N, C-alpha and C. Protein backbone atom coordinates (compact mmCIF):
# COMPACT_ATOMS: atom_id res chain seq x y z
N MET A 1 71.54 54.94 -12.32
CA MET A 1 70.74 55.50 -11.23
C MET A 1 69.30 54.97 -11.27
N SER A 2 68.78 54.76 -12.48
CA SER A 2 67.41 54.25 -12.60
C SER A 2 67.30 52.85 -12.03
N LYS A 3 68.39 52.05 -12.15
CA LYS A 3 68.38 50.71 -11.58
C LYS A 3 68.26 50.77 -10.06
N ILE A 4 68.95 51.72 -9.49
CA ILE A 4 68.92 51.87 -8.04
C ILE A 4 67.51 52.25 -7.58
N ILE A 5 66.89 53.18 -8.29
CA ILE A 5 65.54 53.61 -7.94
C ILE A 5 64.56 52.45 -8.02
N CYS A 6 64.68 51.64 -9.08
CA CYS A 6 63.79 50.49 -9.25
C CYS A 6 63.99 49.48 -8.13
N PHE A 7 65.27 49.26 -7.77
CA PHE A 7 65.55 48.29 -6.72
C PHE A 7 65.02 48.76 -5.37
N ILE A 8 65.19 50.05 -5.09
CA ILE A 8 64.68 50.59 -3.84
C ILE A 8 63.16 50.44 -3.78
N SER A 9 62.50 50.69 -4.88
CA SER A 9 61.04 50.54 -4.93
C SER A 9 60.63 49.09 -4.66
N LEU A 10 61.41 48.13 -5.21
CA LEU A 10 61.12 46.73 -5.00
C LEU A 10 61.29 46.36 -3.53
N VAL A 11 62.35 46.86 -2.92
CA VAL A 11 62.59 46.58 -1.51
C VAL A 11 61.43 47.10 -0.66
N ILE A 12 60.99 48.31 -0.95
CA ILE A 12 59.89 48.91 -0.18
C ILE A 12 58.63 48.06 -0.30
N LEU A 13 58.34 47.57 -1.50
CA LEU A 13 57.15 46.75 -1.71
C LEU A 13 57.23 45.45 -0.95
N LEU A 14 58.44 44.87 -0.87
CA LEU A 14 58.61 43.57 -0.23
C LEU A 14 58.56 43.65 1.29
N VAL A 15 59.11 44.70 1.85
CA VAL A 15 59.21 44.77 3.30
C VAL A 15 58.13 45.64 3.93
N SER A 16 57.41 46.40 3.13
CA SER A 16 56.43 47.32 3.71
C SER A 16 55.34 46.63 4.50
N PRO A 17 54.84 45.39 4.12
CA PRO A 17 53.83 44.76 4.96
C PRO A 17 54.31 44.53 6.38
N GLY A 18 55.55 44.10 6.53
CA GLY A 18 56.08 43.88 7.86
C GLY A 18 56.29 45.18 8.60
N ILE A 19 56.74 46.21 7.89
CA ILE A 19 56.96 47.50 8.53
C ILE A 19 55.64 48.10 8.98
N ALA A 20 54.63 47.96 8.15
CA ALA A 20 53.34 48.55 8.46
C ALA A 20 52.59 47.76 9.54
N SER A 21 53.03 46.50 9.79
CA SER A 21 52.39 45.64 10.78
C SER A 21 50.89 45.52 10.51
N ALA A 22 50.57 45.16 9.29
CA ALA A 22 49.16 44.99 8.93
C ALA A 22 48.57 43.82 9.71
N ASN A 23 47.40 44.01 10.28
CA ASN A 23 46.73 42.98 11.05
C ASN A 23 45.89 42.12 10.13
N LEU A 24 46.07 40.81 10.17
CA LEU A 24 45.32 39.89 9.31
C LEU A 24 43.92 39.61 9.84
N LEU A 25 43.64 40.00 11.06
CA LEU A 25 42.34 39.72 11.67
C LEU A 25 41.31 40.79 11.31
N VAL A 26 40.05 40.38 11.25
CA VAL A 26 38.95 41.30 11.02
C VAL A 26 38.42 41.79 12.37
N ASN A 27 38.26 43.09 12.51
CA ASN A 27 37.71 43.67 13.72
C ASN A 27 38.45 43.19 14.97
N PRO A 28 39.78 43.33 15.02
CA PRO A 28 40.56 42.80 16.15
C PRO A 28 40.34 43.56 17.44
N GLY A 29 39.87 44.82 17.36
CA GLY A 29 39.63 45.61 18.55
C GLY A 29 38.16 45.76 18.90
N PHE A 30 37.30 45.03 18.18
CA PHE A 30 35.86 45.01 18.45
C PHE A 30 35.24 46.40 18.34
N GLU A 31 35.68 47.15 17.33
CA GLU A 31 35.15 48.49 17.12
C GLU A 31 34.05 48.53 16.06
N GLN A 32 33.99 47.49 15.20
CA GLN A 32 32.99 47.48 14.13
C GLN A 32 31.68 46.89 14.63
N SER A 33 30.59 47.51 14.22
CA SER A 33 29.27 47.04 14.62
C SER A 33 28.58 46.39 13.42
N GLY A 34 27.78 45.38 13.70
CA GLY A 34 27.06 44.69 12.63
C GLY A 34 26.10 43.69 13.20
N GLU A 35 25.90 42.58 12.49
CA GLU A 35 24.90 41.60 12.90
C GLU A 35 25.26 40.92 14.22
N GLN A 36 26.54 40.95 14.61
CA GLN A 36 26.95 40.36 15.88
C GLN A 36 27.28 41.44 16.92
N GLY A 37 26.72 42.62 16.74
CA GLY A 37 27.10 43.71 17.64
C GLY A 37 28.54 44.11 17.38
N TYR A 38 29.30 44.34 18.43
CA TYR A 38 30.69 44.74 18.26
C TYR A 38 31.64 43.56 18.23
N THR A 39 31.12 42.36 18.13
CA THR A 39 31.96 41.19 17.89
C THR A 39 31.85 40.72 16.44
N THR A 40 31.40 41.60 15.56
CA THR A 40 31.30 41.29 14.14
C THR A 40 32.67 40.84 13.61
N GLY A 41 32.66 39.79 12.79
CA GLY A 41 33.90 39.24 12.25
C GLY A 41 34.38 38.02 13.02
N TRP A 42 33.83 37.81 14.21
CA TRP A 42 34.17 36.66 15.03
C TRP A 42 32.99 35.69 15.06
N THR A 43 33.29 34.40 15.24
CA THR A 43 32.26 33.35 15.24
C THR A 43 32.17 32.72 16.62
N ASN A 44 30.95 32.46 17.07
CA ASN A 44 30.78 31.78 18.36
C ASN A 44 31.31 30.35 18.27
N GLU A 45 32.26 30.05 19.13
CA GLU A 45 32.79 28.69 19.18
C GLU A 45 31.93 27.81 20.07
N TRP A 46 31.48 28.36 21.16
CA TRP A 46 30.53 27.67 22.04
C TRP A 46 29.93 28.69 23.00
N ASN A 47 28.66 28.52 23.30
CA ASN A 47 27.92 29.42 24.18
C ASN A 47 27.94 30.87 23.70
N ASN A 48 26.81 31.38 23.35
CA ASN A 48 26.70 32.75 22.85
C ASN A 48 26.58 33.73 24.02
N ASN A 49 27.70 33.90 24.75
CA ASN A 49 27.70 34.75 25.93
C ASN A 49 28.66 35.93 25.82
N ILE A 50 29.20 36.20 24.64
CA ILE A 50 30.20 37.25 24.47
C ILE A 50 29.61 38.38 23.63
N PHE A 51 29.69 39.61 24.15
CA PHE A 51 29.11 40.77 23.47
C PHE A 51 30.08 41.96 23.58
N GLY A 52 29.86 42.94 22.75
CA GLY A 52 30.68 44.14 22.82
C GLY A 52 30.31 44.99 24.03
N THR A 53 31.31 45.65 24.61
CA THR A 53 31.07 46.50 25.76
C THR A 53 31.89 47.78 25.66
N THR A 54 31.41 48.84 26.26
CA THR A 54 32.15 50.10 26.30
C THR A 54 32.68 50.39 27.70
N GLU A 55 32.51 49.46 28.60
CA GLU A 55 32.82 49.72 30.01
C GLU A 55 34.29 49.55 30.37
N ASN A 56 35.02 48.71 29.64
CA ASN A 56 36.38 48.40 30.09
C ASN A 56 37.25 47.99 28.89
N SER A 57 37.47 48.89 27.97
CA SER A 57 38.28 48.56 26.79
C SER A 57 39.76 48.77 27.08
N HIS A 58 40.58 47.94 26.42
CA HIS A 58 42.03 48.12 26.53
C HIS A 58 42.48 49.32 25.73
N SER A 59 41.86 49.52 24.58
CA SER A 59 42.07 50.71 23.76
C SER A 59 40.82 50.92 22.91
N GLY A 60 40.67 52.10 22.35
CA GLY A 60 39.47 52.38 21.57
C GLY A 60 38.25 52.47 22.47
N LEU A 61 37.08 52.26 21.86
CA LEU A 61 35.83 52.42 22.59
C LEU A 61 35.26 51.11 23.12
N HIS A 62 35.61 49.99 22.48
CA HIS A 62 34.94 48.73 22.79
C HIS A 62 35.93 47.62 23.14
N ALA A 63 35.39 46.62 23.80
CA ALA A 63 36.07 45.35 24.05
C ALA A 63 35.02 44.25 23.92
N ALA A 64 35.44 43.01 23.87
CA ALA A 64 34.52 41.88 23.89
C ALA A 64 34.38 41.41 25.32
N ARG A 65 33.14 41.31 25.81
CA ARG A 65 32.90 40.94 27.20
C ARG A 65 32.21 39.59 27.27
N ASN A 66 32.83 38.67 28.03
CA ASN A 66 32.27 37.35 28.25
C ASN A 66 31.47 37.38 29.55
N HIS A 67 30.14 37.27 29.45
CA HIS A 67 29.29 37.38 30.63
C HIS A 67 29.21 36.07 31.40
N TRP A 68 29.58 34.96 30.78
CA TRP A 68 29.63 33.66 31.43
C TRP A 68 30.53 32.80 30.56
N ASP A 69 30.52 31.51 30.73
CA ASP A 69 31.39 30.67 29.90
C ASP A 69 31.03 30.79 28.43
N GLY A 70 32.05 30.83 27.59
CA GLY A 70 31.84 30.91 26.15
C GLY A 70 33.15 31.16 25.44
N GLY A 71 33.12 31.05 24.12
CA GLY A 71 34.32 31.27 23.34
C GLY A 71 33.99 31.75 21.94
N MET A 72 34.95 32.42 21.30
CA MET A 72 34.80 32.87 19.92
C MET A 72 36.09 32.58 19.16
N TYR A 73 35.98 32.55 17.83
CA TYR A 73 37.18 32.31 17.03
C TYR A 73 37.07 33.04 15.70
N GLN A 74 38.21 33.11 15.02
CA GLN A 74 38.28 33.68 13.68
C GLN A 74 39.35 32.93 12.90
N ASP A 75 39.01 32.48 11.69
CA ASP A 75 39.94 31.75 10.84
C ASP A 75 40.67 32.70 9.89
N VAL A 76 41.98 32.51 9.77
CA VAL A 76 42.81 33.34 8.90
C VAL A 76 43.65 32.43 8.01
N LEU A 77 43.64 32.67 6.71
CA LEU A 77 44.46 31.88 5.80
C LEU A 77 45.94 32.16 6.05
N VAL A 78 46.75 31.09 6.05
CA VAL A 78 48.18 31.24 6.29
C VAL A 78 48.97 30.57 5.18
N ILE A 79 50.26 30.87 5.12
CA ILE A 79 51.16 30.31 4.11
C ILE A 79 52.15 29.39 4.80
N PRO A 80 52.24 28.11 4.40
CA PRO A 80 53.18 27.18 5.03
C PRO A 80 54.61 27.72 5.00
N GLY A 81 55.33 27.54 6.10
CA GLY A 81 56.71 27.96 6.19
C GLY A 81 56.91 29.40 6.59
N VAL A 82 55.84 30.18 6.63
CA VAL A 82 55.94 31.59 7.01
C VAL A 82 55.76 31.73 8.52
N VAL A 83 56.51 32.66 9.12
CA VAL A 83 56.46 32.87 10.56
C VAL A 83 55.43 33.96 10.89
N TYR A 84 54.62 33.71 11.90
CA TYR A 84 53.56 34.65 12.29
C TYR A 84 53.73 35.09 13.73
N ASP A 85 53.26 36.29 14.01
CA ASP A 85 53.26 36.84 15.36
C ASP A 85 51.81 36.99 15.81
N PHE A 86 51.51 36.55 17.03
CA PHE A 86 50.16 36.61 17.56
C PHE A 86 50.18 37.17 18.98
N ARG A 87 49.20 38.03 19.28
CA ARG A 87 49.03 38.49 20.65
C ARG A 87 47.58 38.91 20.89
N GLY A 88 47.22 39.00 22.13
CA GLY A 88 45.89 39.43 22.52
C GLY A 88 45.88 39.81 23.99
N PHE A 89 44.86 40.55 24.41
CA PHE A 89 44.77 41.04 25.78
C PHE A 89 43.49 40.53 26.44
N LEU A 90 43.58 40.24 27.74
CA LEU A 90 42.38 39.90 28.50
C LEU A 90 42.44 40.53 29.88
N TYR A 91 41.26 40.80 30.41
CA TYR A 91 41.10 41.40 31.73
C TYR A 91 40.21 40.49 32.55
N ALA A 92 40.78 39.84 33.56
CA ALA A 92 40.02 38.92 34.39
C ALA A 92 39.78 39.54 35.76
N PRO A 93 38.54 39.63 36.20
CA PRO A 93 38.24 40.26 37.49
C PRO A 93 38.47 39.30 38.65
N SER A 94 38.54 39.85 39.83
CA SER A 94 38.61 39.01 41.03
C SER A 94 37.22 38.49 41.34
N GLY A 95 37.14 37.54 42.24
CA GLY A 95 35.85 36.97 42.60
C GLY A 95 35.62 35.62 41.96
N GLY A 96 34.53 35.02 42.26
CA GLY A 96 34.22 33.70 41.73
C GLY A 96 34.86 32.60 42.54
N ASP A 97 34.66 31.38 42.09
CA ASP A 97 35.21 30.21 42.75
C ASP A 97 36.63 29.99 42.26
N ASP A 98 37.55 29.67 43.16
CA ASP A 98 38.95 29.51 42.78
C ASP A 98 39.23 28.22 42.01
N SER A 99 38.33 27.28 41.97
CA SER A 99 38.63 25.99 41.35
C SER A 99 38.03 25.88 39.95
N GLY A 100 38.81 25.31 39.05
CA GLY A 100 38.31 24.95 37.73
C GLY A 100 37.92 26.10 36.84
N TRP A 101 38.56 27.27 37.01
CA TRP A 101 38.18 28.43 36.21
C TRP A 101 39.38 28.95 35.44
N GLY A 102 39.17 29.44 34.25
CA GLY A 102 40.28 30.04 33.50
C GLY A 102 39.79 30.76 32.27
N SER A 103 40.65 31.63 31.75
CA SER A 103 40.41 32.30 30.47
C SER A 103 41.58 31.98 29.55
N TYR A 104 41.34 32.04 28.25
CA TYR A 104 42.40 31.65 27.33
C TYR A 104 42.47 32.58 26.12
N LEU A 105 43.67 32.72 25.58
CA LEU A 105 43.96 33.33 24.30
C LEU A 105 44.79 32.32 23.52
N GLY A 106 44.53 32.15 22.25
CA GLY A 106 45.36 31.21 21.53
C GLY A 106 44.91 30.98 20.11
N PHE A 107 45.57 30.03 19.46
CA PHE A 107 45.19 29.69 18.10
C PHE A 107 45.64 28.27 17.80
N TYR A 108 45.06 27.70 16.74
CA TYR A 108 45.44 26.39 16.23
C TYR A 108 45.89 26.52 14.78
N TRP A 109 46.89 25.73 14.40
CA TRP A 109 47.17 25.51 12.97
C TRP A 109 46.20 24.45 12.49
N MET A 110 45.58 24.65 11.34
CA MET A 110 44.57 23.71 10.86
C MET A 110 44.71 23.49 9.35
N ASP A 111 44.28 22.30 8.89
CA ASP A 111 44.25 22.04 7.45
C ASP A 111 42.87 22.39 6.90
N ALA A 112 42.64 22.09 5.63
CA ALA A 112 41.39 22.48 4.98
C ALA A 112 40.19 21.75 5.56
N GLN A 113 40.43 20.60 6.23
CA GLN A 113 39.34 19.83 6.83
C GLN A 113 39.16 20.14 8.33
N ASP A 114 39.78 21.22 8.79
CA ASP A 114 39.69 21.65 10.19
C ASP A 114 40.37 20.68 11.16
N ASN A 115 41.33 19.91 10.66
CA ASN A 115 42.12 19.05 11.54
C ASN A 115 43.33 19.82 12.05
N LEU A 116 43.71 19.58 13.30
CA LEU A 116 44.91 20.21 13.84
C LEU A 116 46.13 19.63 13.15
N VAL A 117 47.10 20.49 12.83
CA VAL A 117 48.31 20.04 12.15
C VAL A 117 49.53 20.62 12.86
N GLY A 118 50.70 20.06 12.51
CA GLY A 118 51.94 20.54 13.09
C GLY A 118 51.93 20.38 14.59
N TYR A 119 52.28 21.44 15.29
CA TYR A 119 52.28 21.42 16.74
C TYR A 119 50.89 21.66 17.30
N GLY A 120 49.90 21.81 16.40
CA GLY A 120 48.53 22.01 16.84
C GLY A 120 48.23 23.46 17.12
N GLY A 121 48.96 24.05 18.01
CA GLY A 121 48.73 25.45 18.33
C GLY A 121 49.39 25.82 19.64
N VAL A 122 49.08 26.96 20.11
CA VAL A 122 49.62 27.42 21.39
C VAL A 122 48.49 28.13 22.13
N MET A 123 48.49 28.01 23.44
CA MET A 123 47.40 28.57 24.23
C MET A 123 47.96 29.25 25.47
N TRP A 124 47.44 30.41 25.75
CA TRP A 124 47.74 31.08 27.02
C TRP A 124 46.53 30.90 27.92
N VAL A 125 46.66 30.11 28.96
CA VAL A 125 45.56 29.86 29.88
C VAL A 125 45.88 30.57 31.19
N LEU A 126 44.98 31.41 31.64
CA LEU A 126 45.17 32.14 32.89
C LEU A 126 44.22 31.59 33.93
N ASP A 127 44.77 31.01 34.99
CA ASP A 127 43.91 30.44 36.02
C ASP A 127 43.75 31.43 37.17
N ILE A 128 42.72 31.22 37.92
CA ILE A 128 42.33 32.17 38.97
C ILE A 128 43.34 32.24 40.10
N ILE A 129 44.16 31.20 40.26
CA ILE A 129 45.08 31.14 41.39
C ILE A 129 46.40 31.84 41.08
N ASP A 130 46.97 31.57 39.90
CA ASP A 130 48.33 32.03 39.60
C ASP A 130 48.41 33.36 38.85
N SER A 131 47.33 33.82 38.28
CA SER A 131 47.39 35.02 37.45
C SER A 131 46.84 36.23 38.20
N PRO A 132 47.41 37.41 37.97
CA PRO A 132 46.88 38.62 38.63
C PRO A 132 45.48 38.95 38.14
N ARG A 133 44.71 39.60 38.98
CA ARG A 133 43.34 39.96 38.66
C ARG A 133 43.24 41.47 38.45
N ASN A 134 42.17 41.87 37.79
CA ASN A 134 41.81 43.29 37.65
C ASN A 134 42.86 44.12 36.93
N VAL A 135 43.60 43.50 36.03
CA VAL A 135 44.57 44.21 35.19
C VAL A 135 44.51 43.59 33.79
N TRP A 136 44.88 44.37 32.77
CA TRP A 136 44.96 43.83 31.43
C TRP A 136 46.24 43.02 31.29
N LEU A 137 46.09 41.77 30.87
CA LEU A 137 47.22 40.86 30.67
C LEU A 137 47.37 40.57 29.18
N VAL A 138 48.61 40.39 28.72
CA VAL A 138 48.86 40.14 27.30
C VAL A 138 49.44 38.75 27.10
N GLY A 139 48.94 38.06 26.08
CA GLY A 139 49.55 36.83 25.61
C GLY A 139 50.22 37.14 24.29
N ASP A 140 51.53 36.92 24.18
CA ASP A 140 52.29 37.32 22.99
C ASP A 140 53.22 36.19 22.59
N SER A 141 53.16 35.79 21.32
CA SER A 141 53.99 34.68 20.85
C SER A 141 55.47 34.98 20.98
N LYS A 142 55.85 36.25 21.00
CA LYS A 142 57.26 36.61 21.12
C LYS A 142 57.80 36.29 22.52
N ASN A 143 56.93 36.05 23.47
CA ASN A 143 57.36 35.72 24.82
C ASN A 143 57.59 34.24 25.03
N LEU A 144 57.29 33.45 24.02
CA LEU A 144 57.52 32.01 24.14
C LEU A 144 59.01 31.73 24.14
N SER A 145 59.41 30.65 24.82
CA SER A 145 60.84 30.31 24.89
C SER A 145 61.39 29.93 23.52
N ASP A 146 60.56 29.36 22.67
CA ASP A 146 60.98 29.00 21.31
C ASP A 146 59.87 29.39 20.34
N PRO A 147 59.73 30.70 20.05
CA PRO A 147 58.58 31.16 19.26
C PRO A 147 58.53 30.59 17.85
N LEU A 148 59.70 30.37 17.21
CA LEU A 148 59.67 29.86 15.84
C LEU A 148 59.10 28.45 15.79
N LYS A 149 59.31 27.69 16.85
CA LYS A 149 58.78 26.33 16.90
C LYS A 149 57.26 26.34 16.80
N TYR A 150 56.64 27.31 17.44
CA TYR A 150 55.19 27.36 17.49
C TYR A 150 54.57 28.22 16.40
N MET A 151 55.31 29.26 15.94
CA MET A 151 54.69 30.26 15.10
C MET A 151 54.99 30.12 13.61
N THR A 152 55.80 29.14 13.22
CA THR A 152 56.02 28.88 11.81
C THR A 152 54.91 27.96 11.30
N ALA A 153 54.18 28.41 10.30
CA ALA A 153 53.06 27.61 9.79
C ALA A 153 53.58 26.29 9.22
N PRO A 154 53.06 25.14 9.66
CA PRO A 154 53.48 23.84 9.15
C PRO A 154 53.17 23.69 7.67
N GLY A 155 53.82 22.72 7.04
CA GLY A 155 53.66 22.52 5.61
C GLY A 155 52.25 22.17 5.18
N ASP A 156 51.47 21.55 6.07
CA ASP A 156 50.10 21.18 5.73
C ASP A 156 49.07 22.13 6.32
N ALA A 157 49.51 23.28 6.85
CA ALA A 157 48.58 24.25 7.41
C ALA A 157 47.95 25.10 6.31
N VAL A 158 46.66 25.32 6.41
CA VAL A 158 45.92 26.16 5.48
C VAL A 158 45.44 27.43 6.19
N LYS A 159 45.16 27.30 7.48
CA LYS A 159 44.65 28.45 8.22
C LYS A 159 45.07 28.37 9.68
N ALA A 160 44.98 29.52 10.34
CA ALA A 160 45.15 29.59 11.78
C ALA A 160 43.80 29.97 12.38
N ARG A 161 43.42 29.30 13.43
CA ARG A 161 42.17 29.63 14.12
C ARG A 161 42.51 30.37 15.41
N VAL A 162 42.27 31.67 15.41
CA VAL A 162 42.52 32.50 16.59
C VAL A 162 41.32 32.38 17.52
N ARG A 163 41.59 32.15 18.81
CA ARG A 163 40.51 31.82 19.76
C ARG A 163 40.65 32.64 21.03
N PHE A 164 39.53 32.82 21.72
CA PHE A 164 39.55 33.37 23.07
C PHE A 164 38.27 32.97 23.79
N GLY A 165 38.30 32.98 25.10
CA GLY A 165 37.09 32.63 25.83
C GLY A 165 37.36 32.34 27.29
N THR A 166 36.33 31.85 27.97
CA THR A 166 36.37 31.54 29.39
C THR A 166 35.57 30.26 29.63
N TRP A 167 36.02 29.44 30.56
CA TRP A 167 35.26 28.24 30.88
C TRP A 167 35.39 27.95 32.37
N GLN A 168 34.50 27.09 32.85
CA GLN A 168 34.59 26.63 34.23
C GLN A 168 34.07 25.21 34.31
N GLU A 169 34.59 24.46 35.26
CA GLU A 169 34.15 23.08 35.47
C GLU A 169 33.70 22.94 36.93
N GLY A 170 32.41 22.94 37.16
CA GLY A 170 31.89 22.77 38.50
C GLY A 170 32.25 23.90 39.44
N ALA A 171 32.42 25.11 38.88
CA ALA A 171 32.80 26.26 39.70
C ALA A 171 32.07 27.49 39.21
N THR A 172 32.10 28.52 39.99
CA THR A 172 31.50 29.79 39.60
C THR A 172 32.57 30.67 38.97
N PRO A 173 32.46 31.00 37.69
CA PRO A 173 33.50 31.79 37.05
C PRO A 173 33.50 33.24 37.53
N ALA A 174 34.67 33.86 37.50
CA ALA A 174 34.77 35.29 37.80
C ALA A 174 34.39 36.04 36.54
N VAL A 175 33.27 36.69 36.55
CA VAL A 175 32.76 37.38 35.35
C VAL A 175 32.46 38.83 35.69
N PRO A 176 32.46 39.71 34.67
CA PRO A 176 32.76 39.40 33.26
C PRO A 176 34.26 39.47 32.97
N THR A 177 34.71 38.69 31.98
CA THR A 177 36.09 38.77 31.49
C THR A 177 36.08 39.51 30.16
N ASP A 178 37.00 40.45 30.00
CA ASP A 178 37.05 41.27 28.79
C ASP A 178 38.25 40.90 27.93
N PHE A 179 38.08 41.01 26.61
CA PHE A 179 39.13 40.70 25.64
C PHE A 179 39.24 41.86 24.65
N ASP A 180 40.46 42.14 24.21
CA ASP A 180 40.62 43.28 23.30
C ASP A 180 41.96 43.18 22.56
N ASP A 181 42.05 43.92 21.46
CA ASP A 181 43.29 44.18 20.72
C ASP A 181 44.05 42.91 20.33
N PHE A 182 43.39 42.08 19.54
CA PHE A 182 44.06 40.89 19.00
C PHE A 182 44.87 41.27 17.76
N TYR A 183 45.93 40.51 17.52
CA TYR A 183 46.85 40.85 16.43
C TYR A 183 47.45 39.56 15.87
N LEU A 184 47.45 39.43 14.55
CA LEU A 184 48.12 38.33 13.87
C LEU A 184 48.70 38.86 12.57
N ASP A 185 49.99 38.69 12.39
CA ASP A 185 50.63 39.19 11.18
C ASP A 185 51.88 38.38 10.88
N VAL A 186 52.41 38.58 9.69
CA VAL A 186 53.63 37.90 9.24
C VAL A 186 54.84 38.60 9.85
N ILE A 187 55.79 37.79 10.33
CA ILE A 187 57.06 38.33 10.77
C ILE A 187 58.03 38.27 9.59
N PRO A 188 58.57 39.42 9.12
CA PRO A 188 59.52 39.37 8.00
C PRO A 188 60.71 38.49 8.33
N GLU A 189 61.08 37.62 7.41
CA GLU A 189 62.19 36.70 7.62
C GLU A 189 63.51 37.47 7.63
N PRO A 190 64.29 37.40 8.70
CA PRO A 190 65.54 38.18 8.79
C PRO A 190 66.51 37.91 7.65
N SER A 191 66.65 36.64 7.25
CA SER A 191 67.61 36.32 6.19
C SER A 191 67.23 36.97 4.87
N SER A 192 65.93 37.04 4.58
CA SER A 192 65.49 37.69 3.35
C SER A 192 65.78 39.18 3.39
N LEU A 193 65.55 39.80 4.55
CA LEU A 193 65.83 41.22 4.67
C LEU A 193 67.32 41.50 4.51
N VAL A 194 68.17 40.62 5.06
CA VAL A 194 69.62 40.80 4.93
C VAL A 194 70.03 40.73 3.46
N LEU A 195 69.48 39.76 2.73
CA LEU A 195 69.80 39.64 1.30
C LEU A 195 69.37 40.88 0.53
N LEU A 196 68.19 41.39 0.84
CA LEU A 196 67.71 42.58 0.15
C LEU A 196 68.58 43.79 0.45
N ILE A 197 68.95 43.97 1.70
CA ILE A 197 69.79 45.10 2.07
C ILE A 197 71.17 44.98 1.44
N THR A 198 71.72 43.75 1.42
CA THR A 198 73.03 43.53 0.80
C THR A 198 72.98 43.87 -0.68
N GLY A 199 71.93 43.42 -1.34
CA GLY A 199 71.80 43.73 -2.77
C GLY A 199 71.66 45.21 -3.02
N LEU A 200 70.90 45.87 -2.14
CA LEU A 200 70.72 47.32 -2.27
C LEU A 200 72.05 48.05 -2.11
N LEU A 201 72.83 47.66 -1.12
CA LEU A 201 74.14 48.29 -0.91
C LEU A 201 75.06 48.04 -2.09
N GLY A 202 74.97 46.83 -2.65
CA GLY A 202 75.79 46.52 -3.82
C GLY A 202 75.46 47.39 -5.00
N LEU A 203 74.18 47.58 -5.24
CA LEU A 203 73.77 48.44 -6.35
C LEU A 203 74.15 49.90 -6.11
N LEU A 204 74.04 50.31 -4.86
CA LEU A 204 74.46 51.67 -4.54
C LEU A 204 75.94 51.87 -4.82
N GLY A 205 76.73 50.83 -4.51
CA GLY A 205 78.16 50.90 -4.78
C GLY A 205 78.45 50.99 -6.26
N ILE A 206 77.71 50.19 -7.05
CA ILE A 206 77.89 50.22 -8.51
C ILE A 206 77.52 51.59 -9.07
N GLY A 207 76.39 52.12 -8.57
CA GLY A 207 75.96 53.43 -9.05
C GLY A 207 76.97 54.51 -8.73
N LYS A 208 77.54 54.44 -7.53
CA LYS A 208 78.51 55.44 -7.13
C LYS A 208 79.78 55.34 -7.98
N ARG A 209 80.20 54.11 -8.29
CA ARG A 209 81.39 53.92 -9.10
C ARG A 209 81.18 54.43 -10.51
N ASP A 210 79.98 54.22 -11.04
CA ASP A 210 79.68 54.73 -12.39
C ASP A 210 79.72 56.24 -12.42
N LEU A 211 79.21 56.88 -11.34
CA LEU A 211 79.22 58.32 -11.32
C LEU A 211 80.65 58.87 -11.25
N ILE A 212 81.51 58.18 -10.48
CA ILE A 212 82.91 58.63 -10.36
C ILE A 212 83.65 58.49 -11.67
N SER A 213 83.41 57.34 -12.35
CA SER A 213 84.10 57.11 -13.61
C SER A 213 83.57 58.04 -14.70
């Protein structure tokens, strides 16, 4: 019986990160305040135009608001061969010039020298013509036609760079655009879980047979 208890404890330790859905990102909902306001934990990628706001959050009290073109990112260490799940929300208002405008959610696989590796990354780009306005939209890696192709960290990947922002080329952007509730975590490998469950059932069978005998 003690073997069974030990094995169950091991299973819980191994699968609990996936069950708990721990977020690998710092301040993913823009609720923490600090030297960058409510965008603490994120780095300006270009143009310092993104600030925390309380006017239009997807959840909680705050969101990140892009007042004009700009972008932010956050680097997260990853493990080669491991599958990751990524999602984020954005709210794009109506208005502005219809040409050359868009908002994006996405990430890149990168090596230690900040070079793109593997498939490079995946990006959700929402343009003013094809995407609905004035609603919260979600970009989720699980919605990709082949998520494992994009979300398995390549062998030479050291980190993932999670990104978001808005840009325009010779047009007036629809502002402000809000971003909120980013998420990046490990997806438990199904085959590993099957092996663990099979082993657990086997031990339970052994324990039951010992009790009967």
